[in-house]
Amino acid sequence: MRIAMIGMGAVGSVFGMDLYNAYPNDFFAIASGSRYDRLQAEGLQVNDARYPLRVERPAEDVVPAEVIFVCVKNYGLADALDDMRPFVGDGTIIVPLLNGISATPTLRAAFPQARVLFGIAMGIDARRTVNAVDFTTRGVLQFGWERNTEPYAPEVERVRQILSRTPIPLEIAADMERTIWKKFMLNVGYNQVTAAVDCFIYECSEVENYFRLASAAMQEVVELAKARGVDLTEADRKETERFMAAFPRTAQTSMHQDIKAGRITEVDYFAGIVEEYGAAAGVLTPINAVLREIIHGKERQNQLKSQQ
């Protein structure tokens, strides 16, 4: 058995640690260039513990993996496709855990010989520092085909069996497409607003101005989903608002962390996708258009500061 992961950032490090502990002889990371060198030298560092990870680089003679978990950021997916290619054989199961709604279609187009599921990590609070990751809760890993009923499809059941030996909480949603869109709506609202105005999650819930902005950004996703035939409603938006209001007062979104650390963000895969899909469906998305401009402005501001 060969279980692989590409993208050992915050989410990848936590789930990679769990897979390493469960399958020390079968689990490995895919990496190339400086990422390969760093992972070979340092392994995974999670919650002040180090895990000596096995790392494989792309080559013509590698053995394909049975399952590949994809945990890169959206803007790194194009490069990841090249690194993954030798490891993807006929029937390889691919589980993307990227934010947004564009990863599964992209992976399916790149690897028609594979079995590409939907997947998301919901509620994990992993935080990346320079060369390490810390976390307190794994949240839940949700995965499956667009629609799932018991008995599950062989690919879904195989992933469930593999992950059941880890402490990762699992959920196979009956409607994964809707689940993916619901997480996308959350990211479009709270990730973007917290990054744009530099606030904690609780402030986005308790400061009325920020809350209205996040709610309006999410409502644009609801309208877009309706236009595309996805079962996402205002009730889902309100449930998401209640869910986010329960986060601890120290919690930050990943996009807010990226801005504060001077990293680029996934705004083009949140607001950018909303704008792109909205234009195609005739749905107006002015809130997301403004948030995209603000966040790109902050990215540029960070670049200028780094050059001083």
Protein backbone atom coordinates (compact mmCIF):
# COMPACT_ATOMS: atom_id res chain seq x y z
CA MET A 1 0.00 0.00 0.00
CA ARG A 2 1.25 3.49 -0.88
CA ILE A 3 -0.44 6.51 0.70
CA ALA A 4 0.82 9.92 -0.41
CA MET A 5 0.25 13.55 0.42
CA ILE A 6 1.35 16.67 -1.39
CA GLY A 7 1.31 20.02 0.40
CA MET A 8 2.70 19.87 3.93
CA GLY A 9 1.42 23.22 5.15
CA ALA A 10 -0.86 23.68 8.14
CA VAL A 11 -3.58 21.16 7.24
CA GLY A 12 -1.16 18.81 5.50
CA SER A 13 1.19 18.72 8.48
CA VAL A 14 -1.53 17.78 10.97
CA PHE A 15 -3.13 15.09 8.81
CA GLY A 16 0.29 14.02 7.57
CA MET A 17 1.40 13.48 11.16
CA ASP A 18 -1.68 11.31 11.75
CA LEU A 19 -1.10 9.25 8.60
CA TYR A 20 2.60 8.87 9.43
CA ASN A 21 1.73 7.56 12.90
CA ALA A 22 -0.81 5.11 11.48
CA TYR A 23 1.20 4.01 8.45
CA PRO A 24 4.92 4.66 9.09
CA ASN A 25 5.99 2.28 6.30
CA ASP A 26 3.32 3.19 3.74
CA PHE A 27 2.89 6.95 4.00
CA PHE A 28 5.11 9.45 2.18
CA ALA A 29 5.12 13.05 0.99
CA ILE A 30 5.52 14.14 -2.62
CA ALA A 31 7.81 17.12 -3.08
CA SER A 32 10.46 18.54 -5.37
CA GLY A 33 13.16 21.21 -5.26
CA SER A 34 13.67 23.08 -2.01
CA ARG A 35 10.50 21.59 -0.50
CA TYR A 36 11.99 18.11 -0.93
CA ASP A 37 15.25 19.21 0.68
CA ARG A 38 13.47 20.84 3.63
CA LEU A 39 11.14 17.92 4.33
CA GLN A 40 14.01 15.44 4.03
CA ALA A 41 16.07 17.44 6.50
CA GLU A 42 13.37 18.53 8.95
CA GLY A 43 10.42 16.17 8.54
CA LEU A 44 7.14 17.37 10.01
CA GLN A 45 7.14 19.58 13.10
CA VAL A 46 3.75 19.65 14.80
CA ASN A 47 2.97 20.81 18.34
CA ASP A 48 6.69 20.84 19.23
CA ALA A 49 7.21 17.24 18.10
CA ARG A 50 9.19 16.12 15.04
CA TYR A 51 8.20 13.31 12.68
CA PRO A 52 10.87 11.95 10.27
CA LEU A 53 8.80 11.89 7.11
CA ARG A 54 9.66 9.82 4.03
CA VAL A 55 9.73 12.05 0.95
CA GLU A 56 9.68 11.04 -2.72
CA ARG A 57 10.36 13.30 -5.67
CA PRO A 58 8.74 12.92 -9.08
CA ALA A 59 10.59 10.59 -11.45
CA GLU A 60 9.70 8.36 -14.37
CA ASP A 61 10.22 5.11 -12.48
CA VAL A 62 8.20 5.81 -9.31
CA VAL A 63 5.46 3.42 -8.25
CA PRO A 64 1.99 5.03 -8.39
CA ALA A 65 0.18 5.67 -5.13
CA GLU A 66 -3.08 4.05 -4.14
CA VAL A 67 -4.35 7.26 -2.53
CA ILE A 68 -3.06 10.85 -2.75
CA PHE A 69 -4.26 13.58 -0.41
CA VAL A 70 -3.80 17.04 -1.95
CA CYS A 71 -3.26 19.78 0.65
CA VAL A 72 -1.54 22.54 -1.33
CA LYS A 73 -2.92 26.05 -1.57
CA ASN A 74 -4.98 26.77 -4.67
CA TYR A 75 -2.27 28.96 -6.18
CA GLY A 76 0.16 26.03 -5.85
CA LEU A 77 -2.07 23.47 -7.54
CA ALA A 78 -0.65 23.96 -11.05
CA ASP A 79 2.87 23.11 -9.86
CA ALA A 80 1.52 20.25 -7.75
CA LEU A 81 -0.05 18.65 -10.83
CA ASP A 82 3.39 18.26 -12.39
CA ASP A 83 4.88 16.79 -9.21
CA MET A 84 1.94 14.40 -8.79
CA ARG A 85 1.83 13.13 -12.36
CA PRO A 86 4.24 10.17 -12.03
CA PHE A 87 2.46 9.03 -8.86
CA VAL A 88 -1.01 8.92 -10.45
CA GLY A 89 -1.85 5.59 -12.06
CA ASP A 90 -5.03 3.98 -13.33
CA GLY A 91 -7.48 4.04 -10.45
CA THR A 92 -5.39 6.16 -8.07
CA ILE A 93 -7.80 7.79 -5.61
CA ILE A 94 -7.21 11.52 -5.19
CA VAL A 95 -8.71 13.41 -2.24
CA PRO A 96 -8.29 17.20 -2.55
CA LEU A 97 -8.48 19.14 0.72
CA LEU A 98 -8.14 22.62 -0.77
CA ASN A 99 -10.45 25.49 0.03
CA GLY A 100 -12.83 26.57 -2.70
CA ILE A 101 -14.80 24.77 -5.38
CA SER A 102 -12.36 24.56 -8.30
CA ALA A 103 -9.85 21.90 -7.18
CA THR A 104 -11.82 18.75 -8.00
CA PRO A 105 -12.70 19.85 -11.57
CA THR A 106 -9.06 20.85 -12.12
CA LEU A 107 -7.73 17.51 -10.87
CA ARG A 108 -10.28 15.53 -12.86
CA ALA A 109 -9.26 17.30 -16.04
CA ALA A 110 -5.56 16.70 -15.32
CA PHE A 111 -5.89 13.03 -14.33
CA PRO A 112 -8.77 11.34 -16.20
CA GLN A 113 -7.30 7.93 -15.27
CA ALA A 114 -7.73 8.64 -11.56
CA ARG A 115 -10.72 8.64 -9.25
CA VAL A 116 -10.94 12.20 -7.94
CA LEU A 117 -13.30 12.72 -5.00
CA PHE A 118 -14.49 15.88 -3.27
CA GLY A 119 -12.93 16.70 0.08
CA ILE A 120 -12.56 19.49 2.64
CA ALA A 121 -11.12 20.00 6.10
CA MET A 122 -13.73 21.72 8.23
CA GLY A 123 -13.01 23.37 11.58
CA ILE A 124 -9.31 22.51 11.89
CA ASP A 125 -7.44 25.29 13.71
CA ALA A 126 -3.90 24.50 12.52
CA ARG A 127 -1.56 27.48 12.43
CA ARG A 128 1.67 27.59 10.46
CA THR A 129 4.73 29.43 11.69
CA VAL A 130 8.06 29.57 9.82
CA ASN A 131 8.93 25.86 9.89
CA ALA A 132 6.34 24.37 12.23
CA VAL A 133 2.61 23.92 12.81
CA ASP A 134 0.55 23.93 15.98
CA PHE A 135 -3.11 23.02 16.48
CA THR A 136 -5.65 22.14 19.16
CA THR A 137 -8.49 20.59 17.13
CA ARG A 138 -8.61 18.62 13.90
CA GLY A 139 -12.18 19.60 13.08
CA VAL A 140 -13.61 17.06 10.64
CA LEU A 141 -12.43 15.74 7.27
CA GLN A 142 -15.35 15.41 4.85
CA PHE A 143 -15.03 13.52 1.57
CA GLY A 144 -16.89 11.51 -1.06
CA TRP A 145 -18.40 11.63 -4.51
CA GLU A 146 -20.99 14.30 -5.36
CA ARG A 147 -23.68 12.05 -3.85
CA ASN A 148 -23.06 9.31 -1.28
CA THR A 149 -25.32 6.60 0.14
CA GLU A 150 -24.53 3.39 2.02
CA PRO A 151 -23.06 1.04 1.00
CA TYR A 152 -20.47 3.57 -0.15
CA ALA A 153 -18.70 3.41 -3.50
CA PRO A 154 -15.45 1.37 -3.37
CA GLU A 155 -13.23 4.46 -3.60
CA VAL A 156 -15.04 6.20 -0.76
CA GLU A 157 -15.02 3.08 1.40
CA ARG A 158 -11.29 2.58 0.79
CA VAL A 159 -10.46 6.11 1.93
CA ARG A 160 -12.71 5.64 4.96
CA GLN A 161 -10.89 2.42 5.87
CA ILE A 162 -7.48 4.08 5.57
CA LEU A 163 -8.43 7.13 7.62
CA SER A 164 -10.28 5.09 10.26
CA ARG A 165 -6.90 4.05 11.71
CA THR A 166 -6.10 7.71 12.43
CA PRO A 167 -7.63 10.10 15.01
CA ILE A 168 -8.98 12.31 12.20
CA PRO A 169 -12.77 12.78 12.61
CA LEU A 170 -14.51 11.73 9.39
CA GLU A 171 -17.77 12.49 7.65
CA ILE A 172 -19.08 11.20 4.33
CA ALA A 173 -21.74 13.71 3.39
CA ALA A 174 -24.77 12.59 1.41
CA ASP A 175 -24.43 15.69 -0.78
CA MET A 176 -20.72 16.54 -0.98
CA GLU A 177 -21.26 19.15 -3.69
CA ARG A 178 -23.48 21.12 -1.34
CA THR A 179 -21.00 20.59 1.50
CA ILE A 180 -18.15 21.96 -0.61
CA TRP A 181 -20.19 25.02 -1.56
CA LYS A 182 -21.15 25.60 2.07
CA LYS A 183 -17.47 25.68 3.11
CA PHE A 184 -16.75 27.90 0.09
CA MET A 185 -19.44 30.31 1.30
CA LEU A 186 -17.81 30.42 4.75
CA ASN A 187 -14.40 31.19 3.27
CA VAL A 188 -15.79 33.85 0.97
CA GLY A 189 -17.38 35.59 3.94
CA TYR A 190 -15.18 35.17 6.98
CA ASN A 191 -11.74 34.48 5.51
CA GLN A 192 -11.98 37.46 3.20
CA VAL A 193 -13.48 39.96 5.62
CA THR A 194 -11.07 39.10 8.45
CA ALA A 195 -8.18 39.51 6.00
CA ALA A 196 -9.54 42.75 4.56
CA VAL A 197 -10.18 44.49 7.89
CA ASP A 198 -7.53 42.72 10.03
CA CYS A 199 -9.76 41.19 12.69
CA PHE A 200 -10.24 37.98 14.65
CA ILE A 201 -13.15 35.67 13.83
CA TYR A 202 -15.10 36.75 16.92
CA GLU A 203 -14.79 40.40 15.85
CA CYS A 204 -16.24 39.50 12.47
CA SER A 205 -19.24 38.15 14.35
CA GLU A 206 -19.57 40.83 17.04
CA VAL A 207 -18.72 44.03 15.15
CA GLU A 208 -21.96 44.71 13.30
CA ASN A 209 -20.32 46.40 10.31
CA TYR A 210 -17.97 43.46 9.70
CA PHE A 211 -20.77 40.95 10.24
CA ARG A 212 -22.98 42.63 7.64
CA LEU A 213 -20.11 42.61 5.16
CA ALA A 214 -19.37 38.90 5.67
CA SER A 215 -23.07 38.05 5.47
CA ALA A 216 -23.48 40.00 2.22
CA ALA A 217 -20.44 38.31 0.67
CA MET A 218 -21.87 34.90 1.60
CA GLN A 219 -25.31 35.82 0.25
CA GLU A 220 -23.71 36.39 -3.15
CA VAL A 221 -22.52 32.77 -3.01
CA VAL A 222 -26.05 31.65 -2.12
CA GLU A 223 -27.45 33.46 -5.16
CA LEU A 224 -24.72 32.02 -7.35
CA ALA A 225 -25.39 28.49 -6.07
CA LYS A 226 -29.08 28.84 -6.85
CA ALA A 227 -28.22 29.90 -10.39
CA ARG A 228 -25.99 26.82 -10.80
CA GLY A 229 -28.49 24.36 -9.35
CA VAL A 230 -26.64 23.77 -6.07
CA ASP A 231 -28.78 23.24 -2.95
CA LEU A 232 -27.43 26.12 -0.84
CA THR A 233 -29.86 28.42 0.98
CA GLU A 234 -30.15 31.41 3.28
CA ALA A 235 -30.65 28.92 6.12
CA ASP A 236 -27.17 27.56 5.39
CA ARG A 237 -25.77 31.09 5.54
CA LYS A 238 -27.39 31.72 8.91
CA GLU A 239 -26.15 28.37 10.25
CA THR A 240 -22.63 29.30 9.14
CA GLU A 241 -22.92 32.63 10.94
CA ARG A 242 -23.88 30.85 14.16
CA PHE A 243 -21.05 28.34 13.69
CA MET A 244 -18.45 31.08 13.29
CA ALA A 245 -19.77 33.01 16.28
CA ALA A 246 -18.88 30.04 18.51
CA PHE A 247 -15.15 30.11 17.67
CA PRO A 248 -12.75 30.95 20.53
CA ARG A 249 -11.71 34.59 20.76
CA THR A 250 -8.12 33.77 19.78
CA ALA A 251 -9.10 32.05 16.51
CA GLN A 252 -7.98 33.55 13.21
CA THR A 253 -8.83 32.55 9.66
CA SER A 254 -6.07 31.21 7.42
CA MET A 255 -6.34 34.17 5.04
CA HIS A 256 -5.99 36.63 7.91
CA GLN A 257 -2.87 34.73 9.01
CA ASP A 258 -1.51 34.86 5.45
CA ILE A 259 -1.90 38.63 5.24
CA LYS A 260 -0.30 39.18 8.64
CA ALA A 261 2.62 36.94 7.67
CA GLY A 262 3.14 38.73 4.36
CA ARG A 263 2.10 35.73 2.27
CA ILE A 264 -0.08 35.80 -0.83
CA THR A 265 -3.67 34.63 -0.36
CA GLU A 266 -6.26 32.51 -2.12
CA VAL A 267 -8.51 35.50 -2.84
CA ASP A 268 -8.56 34.74 -6.59
CA TYR A 269 -10.04 31.33 -5.75
CA PHE A 270 -12.68 32.85 -3.46
CA ALA A 271 -13.84 36.28 -4.66
CA GLY A 272 -12.24 35.66 -8.06
CA ILE A 273 -14.25 32.49 -8.64
CA VAL A 274 -17.42 34.18 -7.35
CA GLU A 275 -16.89 36.98 -9.87
CA GLU A 276 -16.07 34.58 -12.71
CA TYR A 277 -19.02 32.28 -12.09
CA GLY A 278 -21.30 35.23 -11.37
CA ALA A 279 -20.49 36.84 -14.71
CA ALA A 280 -21.26 33.57 -16.50
CA ALA A 281 -24.57 33.11 -14.63
CA GLY A 282 -25.70 36.73 -14.71
CA VAL A 283 -25.42 37.09 -10.91
CA LEU A 284 -24.14 40.39 -9.54
CA THR A 285 -21.24 40.07 -7.05
CA PRO A 286 -20.21 43.62 -6.04
CA ILE A 287 -19.22 42.77 -2.45
CA ASN A 288 -16.76 40.13 -3.58
CA ALA A 289 -15.39 42.47 -6.23
CA VAL A 290 -14.56 45.05 -3.55
CA LEU A 291 -13.08 42.45 -1.17
CA ARG A 292 -10.86 41.16 -3.95
CA GLU A 293 -9.49 44.64 -4.60
CA ILE A 294 -8.85 45.30 -0.91
CA ILE A 295 -7.05 41.99 -0.32
CA HIS A 296 -4.94 42.33 -3.45
CA GLY A 297 -4.11 45.81 -2.20
CA LYS A 298 -2.95 44.38 1.13
CA GLU A 299 -0.81 41.82 -0.68
CA ARG A 300 0.81 44.62 -2.68
CA GLN A 301 1.26 46.67 0.47
CA ASN A 302 3.09 43.75 2.07
CA GLN A 303 5.35 43.47 -0.98
CA LEU A 304 6.26 47.14 -0.77
CA LYS A 305 7.04 46.83 2.94
CA SER A 306 9.31 43.84 2.29
CA GLN A 307 11.28 45.88 -0.24
CA GLN A 308 12.00 48.74 2.15
